[in-house]
PDB file of N, CA and C in Angstrom:
ATOM      1  N   MET A   1     155.638 160.274  39.528  1.00  0.00           N
ATOM      2  CA  MET A   1     154.726 159.286  40.077  1.00  0.00           C
ATOM      3  C   MET A   1     155.157 158.964  41.498  1.00  0.00           C
ATOM      4  N   ARG A   2     154.197 158.976  42.404  1.00  0.00           N
ATOM      5  CA  ARG A   2     154.512 158.666  43.790  1.00  0.00           C
ATOM      6  C   ARG A   2     154.752 157.181  43.972  1.00  0.00           C
ATOM      7  N   PHE A   3     155.555 156.884  44.962  1.00  0.00           N
ATOM      8  CA  PHE A   3     155.821 155.494  45.306  1.00  0.00           C
ATOM      9  C   PHE A   3     154.552 154.885  45.917  1.00  0.00           C
ATOM     10  N   GLY A   4     154.165 153.697  45.492  1.00  0.00           N
ATOM     11  CA  GLY A   4     153.001 153.023  46.047  1.00  0.00           C
ATOM     12  C   GLY A   4     151.714 153.269  45.291  1.00  0.00           C
ATOM     13  N   THR A   5     151.752 154.127  44.256  1.00  0.00           N
ATOM     14  CA  THR A   5     150.534 154.406  43.494  1.00  0.00           C
ATOM     15  C   THR A   5     150.056 153.165  42.749  1.00  0.00           C
ATOM     16  N   SER A   6     150.984 152.455  42.122  1.00  0.00           N
ATOM     17  CA  SER A   6     150.598 151.265  41.365  1.00  0.00           C
ATOM     18  C   SER A   6     150.106 150.162  42.306  1.00  0.00           C
ATOM     19  N   LYS A   7     150.693 150.110  43.520  1.00  0.00           N
ATOM     20  CA  LYS A   7     150.239 149.124  44.494  1.00  0.00           C
ATOM     21  C   LYS A   7     148.799 149.422  44.917  1.00  0.00           C
ATOM     22  N   GLN A   8     148.492 150.681  45.161  1.00  0.00           N
ATOM     23  CA  GLN A   8     147.129 151.072  45.545  1.00  0.00           C
ATOM     24  C   GLN A   8     146.144 150.800  44.416  1.00  0.00           C
ATOM     25  N   LYS A   9     146.588 151.055  43.183  1.00  0.00           N
ATOM     26  CA  LYS A   9     145.730 150.804  42.018  1.00  0.00           C
ATOM     27  C   LYS A   9     145.430 149.304  41.903  1.00  0.00           C
ATOM     28  N   ALA A  10     146.435 148.490  42.129  1.00  0.00           N
ATOM     29  CA  ALA A  10     146.248 147.034  42.069  1.00  0.00           C
ATOM     30  C   ALA A  10     145.299 146.565  43.167  1.00  0.00           C
ATOM     31  N   LEU A  11     145.457 147.127  44.360  1.00  0.00           N
ATOM     32  CA  LEU A  11     144.558 146.769  45.463  1.00  0.00           C
ATOM     33  C   LEU A  11     143.115 147.175  45.163  1.00  0.00           C
ATOM     34  N   ASN A  12     142.943 148.327  44.539  1.00  0.00           N
ATOM     35  CA  ASN A  12     141.596 148.773  44.151  1.00  0.00           C
ATOM     36  C   ASN A  12     140.976 147.826  43.136  1.00  0.00           C
ATOM     37  N   GLU A  13     141.792 147.368  42.181  1.00  0.00           N
ATOM     38  CA  GLU A  13     141.298 146.423  41.171  1.00  0.00           C
ATOM     39  C   GLU A  13     140.881 145.103  41.826  1.00  0.00           C
ATOM     40  N   VAL A  14     141.703 144.629  42.764  1.00  0.00           N
ATOM     41  CA  VAL A  14     141.374 143.385  43.466  1.00  0.00           C
ATOM     42  C   VAL A  14     140.077 143.552  44.250  1.00  0.00           C
ATOM     43  N   GLU A  15     139.912 144.687  44.895  1.00  0.00           N
ATOM     44  CA  GLU A  15     138.694 144.952  45.654  1.00  0.00           C
ATOM     45  C   GLU A  15     137.462 144.957  44.741  1.00  0.00           C
ATOM     46  N   LEU A  16     137.593 145.567  43.562  1.00  0.00           N
ATOM     47  CA  LEU A  16     136.473 145.581  42.613  1.00  0.00           C
ATOM     48  C   LEU A  16     136.117 144.166  42.159  1.00  0.00           C
ATOM     49  N   ILE A  17     137.123 143.363  41.902  1.00  0.00           N
ATOM     50  CA  ILE A  17     136.882 141.984  41.455  1.00  0.00           C
ATOM     51  C   ILE A  17     136.203 141.181  42.563  1.00  0.00           C
ATOM     52  N   LEU A  18     136.684 141.336  43.793  1.00  0.00           N
ATOM     53  CA  LEU A  18     136.070 140.610  44.915  1.00  0.00           C
ATOM     54  C   LEU A  18     134.626 141.040  45.138  1.00  0.00           C
ATOM     55  N   ASN A  19     134.365 142.331  45.040  1.00  0.00           N
ATOM     56  CA  ASN A  19     132.992 142.816  45.205  1.00  0.00           C
ATOM     57  C   ASN A  19     132.079 142.251  44.125  1.00  0.00           C
ATOM     58  N   ALA A  20     132.558 142.249  42.887  1.00  0.00           N
ATOM     59  CA  ALA A  20     131.751 141.705  41.787  1.00  0.00           C
ATOM     60  C   ALA A  20     131.482 140.214  42.001  1.00  0.00           C
ATOM     61  N   THR A  21     132.495 139.488  42.480  1.00  0.00           N
ATOM     62  CA  THR A  21     132.324 138.054  42.729  1.00  0.00           C
ATOM     63  C   THR A  21     131.322 137.815  43.845  1.00  0.00           C
ATOM     64  N   LEU A  22     131.410 138.605  44.903  1.00  0.00           N
ATOM     65  CA  LEU A  22     130.452 138.440  46.004  1.00  0.00           C
ATOM     66  C   LEU A  22     129.033 138.730  45.558  1.00  0.00           C
ATOM     67  N   TRP A  23     128.843 139.775  44.739  1.00  0.00           N
ATOM     68  CA  TRP A  23     127.501 140.085  44.240  1.00  0.00           C
ATOM     69  C   TRP A  23     126.981 138.960  43.357  1.00  0.00           C
ATOM     70  N   ALA A  24     127.864 138.399  42.508  1.00  0.00           N
ATOM     71  CA  ALA A  24     127.438 137.297  41.640  1.00  0.00           C
ATOM     72  C   ALA A  24     127.034 136.088  42.476  1.00  0.00           C
ATOM     73  N   ASP A  25     127.814 135.795  43.528  1.00  0.00           N
ATOM     74  CA  ASP A  25     127.464 134.669  44.405  1.00  0.00           C
ATOM     75  C   ASP A  25     126.142 134.915  45.114  1.00  0.00           C
ATOM     76  N   LEU A  26     125.942 136.120  45.588  1.00  0.00           N
ATOM     77  CA  LEU A  26     124.693 136.450  46.280  1.00  0.00           C
ATOM     78  C   LEU A  26     123.493 136.313  45.339  1.00  0.00           C
ATOM     79  N   LEU A  27     123.633 136.797  44.108  1.00  0.00           N
ATOM     80  CA  LEU A  27     122.537 136.680  43.140  1.00  0.00           C
ATOM     81  C   LEU A  27     122.249 135.225  42.816  1.00  0.00           C
ATOM     82  N   PHE A  28     123.301 134.397  42.716  1.00  0.00           N
ATOM     83  CA  PHE A  28     123.110 132.974  42.444  1.00  0.00           C
ATOM     84  C   PHE A  28     122.355 132.306  43.594  1.00  0.00           C
ATOM     85  N   VAL A  29     122.714 132.638  44.824  1.00  0.00           N
ATOM     86  CA  VAL A  29     122.036 132.056  45.984  1.00  0.00           C
ATOM     87  C   VAL A  29     120.571 132.483  46.003  1.00  0.00           C
ATOM     88  N   LEU A  30     120.311 133.762  45.754  1.00  0.00           N
ATOM     89  CA  LEU A  30     118.920 134.238  45.739  1.00  0.00           C
ATOM     90  C   LEU A  30     118.120 133.560  44.637  1.00  0.00           C
ATOM     91  N   HIS A  31     118.719 133.383  43.475  1.00  0.00           N
ATOM     92  CA  HIS A  31     118.056 132.707  42.356  1.00  0.00           C
ATOM     93  C   HIS A  31     117.738 131.256  42.734  1.00  0.00           C
ATOM     94  N   SER A  32     118.689 130.585  43.374  1.00  0.00           N
ATOM     95  CA  SER A  32     118.480 129.193  43.773  1.00  0.00           C
ATOM     96  C   SER A  32     117.363 129.073  44.802  1.00  0.00           C
ATOM     97  N   VAL A  33     117.332 129.990  45.758  1.00  0.00           N
ATOM     98  CA  VAL A  33     116.277 129.969  46.773  1.00  0.00           C
ATOM     99  C   VAL A  33     114.921 130.215  46.127  1.00  0.00           C
ATOM    100  N   LYS A  34     114.874 131.152  45.181  1.00  0.00           N
ATOM    101  CA  LYS A  34     113.613 131.446  44.488  1.00  0.00           C
ATOM    102  C   LYS A  34     113.114 130.212  43.738  1.00  0.00           C
ATOM    103  N   LYS A  35     114.014 129.526  43.038  1.00  0.00           N
ATOM    104  CA  LYS A  35     113.615 128.329  42.286  1.00  0.00           C
ATOM    105  C   LYS A  35     113.151 127.216  43.236  1.00  0.00           C
ATOM    106  N   ALA A  36     113.830 127.076  44.363  1.00  0.00           N
ATOM    107  CA  ALA A  36     113.436 126.048  45.331  1.00  0.00           C
ATOM    108  C   ALA A  36     112.051 126.348  45.898  1.00  0.00           C
ATOM    109  N   LEU A  37     111.788 127.611  46.193  1.00  0.00           N
ATOM    110  CA  LEU A  37     110.471 127.978  46.724  1.00  0.00           C
ATOM    111  C   LEU A  37     109.377 127.767  45.687  1.00  0.00           C
ATOM    112  N   GLN A  38     109.684 128.033  44.420  1.00  0.00           N
ATOM    113  CA  GLN A  38     108.699 127.784  43.364  1.00  0.00           C
ATOM    114  C   GLN A  38     108.399 126.297  43.258  1.00  0.00           C
ATOM    115  N   GLY A  39     109.436 125.475  43.378  1.00  0.00           N
ATOM    116  CA  GLY A  39     109.239 124.027  43.334  1.00  0.00           C
ATOM    117  C   GLY A  39     108.397 123.541  44.491  1.00  0.00           C
ATOM    118  N   MET A  40     108.655 124.089  45.678  1.00  0.00           N
ATOM    119  CA  MET A  40     107.861 123.705  46.849  1.00  0.00           C
ATOM    120  C   MET A  40     106.405 124.135  46.685  1.00  0.00           C
ATOM    121  N   ALA A  41     106.187 125.329  46.139  1.00  0.00           N
ATOM    122  CA  ALA A  41     104.820 125.807  45.925  1.00  0.00           C
ATOM    123  C   ALA A  41     104.097 124.909  44.930  1.00  0.00           C
ATOM    124  N   LEU A  42     104.798 124.478  43.893  1.00  0.00           N
ATOM    125  CA  LEU A  42     104.193 123.588  42.901  1.00  0.00           C
ATOM    126  C   LEU A  42     103.838 122.245  43.542  1.00  0.00           C
ATOM    127  N   LEU A  43     104.730 121.731  44.368  1.00  0.00           N
ATOM    128  CA  LEU A  43     104.444 120.475  45.061  1.00  0.00           C
ATOM    129  C   LEU A  43     103.228 120.609  45.969  1.00  0.00           C
ATOM    130  N   ARG A  44     103.145 121.717  46.704  1.00  0.00           N
ATOM    131  CA  ARG A  44     102.009 121.934  47.591  1.00  0.00           C
ATOM    132  C   ARG A  44     100.710 122.038  46.799  1.00  0.00           C
ATOM    133  N   PHE A  45     100.783 122.710  45.647  1.00  0.00           N
ATOM    134  CA  PHE A  45      99.595 122.875  44.816  1.00  0.00           C
ATOM    135  C   PHE A  45      99.067 121.519  44.364  1.00  0.00           C
ATOM    136  N   PHE A  46      99.964 120.647  43.866  1.00  0.00           N
ATOM    137  CA  PHE A  46      99.509 119.351  43.393  1.00  0.00           C
ATOM    138  C   PHE A  46      99.127 118.427  44.536  1.00  0.00           C
ATOM    139  N   SER A  47      99.729 118.619  45.709  1.00  0.00           N
ATOM    140  CA  SER A  47      99.349 117.760  46.838  1.00  0.00           C
ATOM    141  C   SER A  47      97.958 118.122  47.360  1.00  0.00           C
ATOM    142  N   LEU A  48      97.479 119.320  47.038  1.00  0.00           N
ATOM    143  CA  LEU A  48      96.113 119.684  47.424  1.00  0.00           C
ATOM    144  C   LEU A  48      95.096 118.748  46.785  1.00  0.00           C
ATOM    145  N   PHE A  49      95.390 118.305  45.581  1.00  0.00           N
ATOM    146  CA  PHE A  49      94.469 117.444  44.852  1.00  0.00           C
ATOM    147  C   PHE A  49      94.714 115.972  45.132  1.00  0.00           C
ATOM    148  N   ASN A  50      95.760 115.664  45.866  1.00  0.00           N
ATOM    149  CA  ASN A  50      96.118 114.274  46.163  1.00  0.00           C
ATOM    150  C   ASN A  50      96.116 113.450  44.879  1.00  0.00           C
ATOM    151  N   THR A  51      96.887 113.895  43.910  1.00  0.00           N
ATOM    152  CA  THR A  51      96.847 113.359  42.554  1.00  0.00           C
ATOM    153  C   THR A  51      97.821 112.199  42.378  1.00  0.00           C
ATOM    154  N   LYS A  52      97.332 111.161  41.698  1.00  0.00           N
ATOM    155  CA  LYS A  52      98.196 110.081  41.254  1.00  0.00           C
ATOM    156  C   LYS A  52      98.119 110.043  39.735  1.00  0.00           C
ATOM    157  N   ILE A  53      99.240 109.829  39.085  1.00  0.00           N
ATOM    158  CA  ILE A  53      99.238 109.716  37.627  1.00  0.00           C
ATOM    159  C   ILE A  53      99.404 108.248  37.275  1.00  0.00           C
ATOM    160  N   ILE A  54      98.460 107.737  36.519  1.00  0.00           N
ATOM    161  CA  ILE A  54      98.496 106.334  36.108  1.00  0.00           C
ATOM    162  C   ILE A  54      98.701 106.284  34.600  1.00  0.00           C
ATOM    163  N   VAL A  55      99.705 105.550  34.169  1.00  0.00           N
ATOM    164  CA  VAL A  55      99.987 105.439  32.737  1.00  0.00           C
ATOM    165  C   VAL A  55      99.509 104.069  32.269  1.00  0.00           C
ATOM    166  N   SER A  56      98.609 104.093  31.287  1.00  0.00           N
ATOM    167  CA  SER A  56      98.136 102.830  30.710  1.00  0.00           C
ATOM    168  C   SER A  56      98.413 102.851  29.213  1.00  0.00           C
ATOM    169  N   SER A  57      98.029 101.795  28.520  1.00  0.00           N
ATOM    170  CA  SER A  57      98.326 101.719  27.090  1.00  0.00           C
ATOM    171  C   SER A  57      97.093 102.037  26.258  1.00  0.00           C
ATOM    172  N   ALA A  58      96.603 103.240  26.324  1.00  0.00           N
ATOM    173  CA  ALA A  58      95.463 103.681  25.521  1.00  0.00           C
ATOM    174  C   ALA A  58      95.993 104.343  24.252  1.00  0.00           C
ATOM    175  N   PRO A  59      95.277 104.212  23.139  1.00  0.00           N
ATOM    176  CA  PRO A  59      95.760 104.777  21.865  1.00  0.00           C
ATOM    177  C   PRO A  59      95.519 106.285  21.776  1.00  0.00           C
ATOM    178  N   SER A  60      96.451 107.059  22.258  1.00  0.00           N
ATOM    179  CA  SER A  60      96.340 108.510  22.129  1.00  0.00           C
ATOM    180  C   SER A  60      97.751 109.102  22.086  1.00  0.00           C
ATOM    181  N   ASP A  61      97.821 110.380  21.778  1.00  0.00           N
ATOM    182  CA  ASP A  61      99.116 111.043  21.733  1.00  0.00           C
ATOM    183  C   ASP A  61      99.763 111.125  23.109  1.00  0.00           C
ATOM    184  N   PHE A  62      98.935 111.060  24.142  1.00  0.00           N
ATOM    185  CA  PHE A  62      99.473 111.166  25.497  1.00  0.00           C
ATOM    186  C   PHE A  62      99.794 109.804  26.095  1.00  0.00           C
ATOM    187  N   ARG A  63      99.702 108.774  25.296  1.00  0.00           N
ATOM    188  CA  ARG A  63     100.006 107.416  25.726  1.00  0.00           C
ATOM    189  C   ARG A  63      99.171 106.986  26.933  1.00  0.00           C
ATOM    190  N   GLY A  64      97.949 107.424  26.945  1.00  0.00           N
ATOM    191  CA  GLY A  64      97.021 106.939  27.962  1.00  0.00           C
ATOM    192  C   GLY A  64      97.305 107.414  29.364  1.00  0.00           C
ATOM    193  N   VAL A  65      97.742 108.618  29.518  1.00  0.00           N
ATOM    194  CA  VAL A  65      97.945 109.150  30.858  1.00  0.00           C
ATOM    195  C   VAL A  65      96.585 109.515  31.427  1.00  0.00           C
ATOM    196  N   THR A  66      96.219 108.873  32.516  1.00  0.00           N
ATOM    197  CA  THR A  66      94.956 109.185  33.167  1.00  0.00           C
ATOM    198  C   THR A  66      95.229 109.682  34.565  1.00  0.00           C
ATOM    199  N   TYR A  67      94.338 110.477  35.066  1.00  0.00           N
ATOM    200  CA  TYR A  67      94.513 111.060  36.387  1.00  0.00           C
ATOM    201  C   TYR A  67      93.499 110.447  37.339  1.00  0.00           C
ATOM    202  N   SER A  68      93.959 110.115  38.503  1.00  0.00           N
ATOM    203  CA  SER A  68      93.082 109.536  39.513  1.00  0.00           C
ATOM    204  C   SER A  68      93.068 110.474  40.710  1.00  0.00           C
ATOM    205  N   PHE A  69      91.898 110.948  41.085  1.00  0.00           N
ATOM    206  CA  PHE A  69      91.772 111.851  42.228  1.00  0.00           C
ATOM    207  C   PHE A  69      91.232 111.063  43.407  1.00  0.00           C
ATOM    208  N   ASN A  70      92.020 110.998  44.464  1.00  0.00           N
ATOM    209  CA  ASN A  70      91.596 110.287  45.676  1.00  0.00           C
ATOM    210  C   ASN A  70      90.902 111.253  46.616  1.00  0.00           C
ATOM    211  N   SER A  71      89.856 110.803  47.262  1.00  0.00           N
ATOM    212  CA  SER A  71      89.162 111.673  48.213  1.00  0.00           C
ATOM    213  C   SER A  71      89.628 111.379  49.618  1.00  0.00           C
TER     214      SER A  71
END
């Protein structure tokens, strides 16, 4: 066995672990950005209708949730 072989093997293992960690971090960031953009799109969609939700005490399963559309 040559001198330094185990050191090179250890360095290769560390490099693989770092690469995997960086890819996992990148995927997490992309996932977070995607979710944030979906939330913004949903907000924009509902703001198109200028919707207010009013909760009153009507006898129904939805507890009297009524929608008010402002023009």
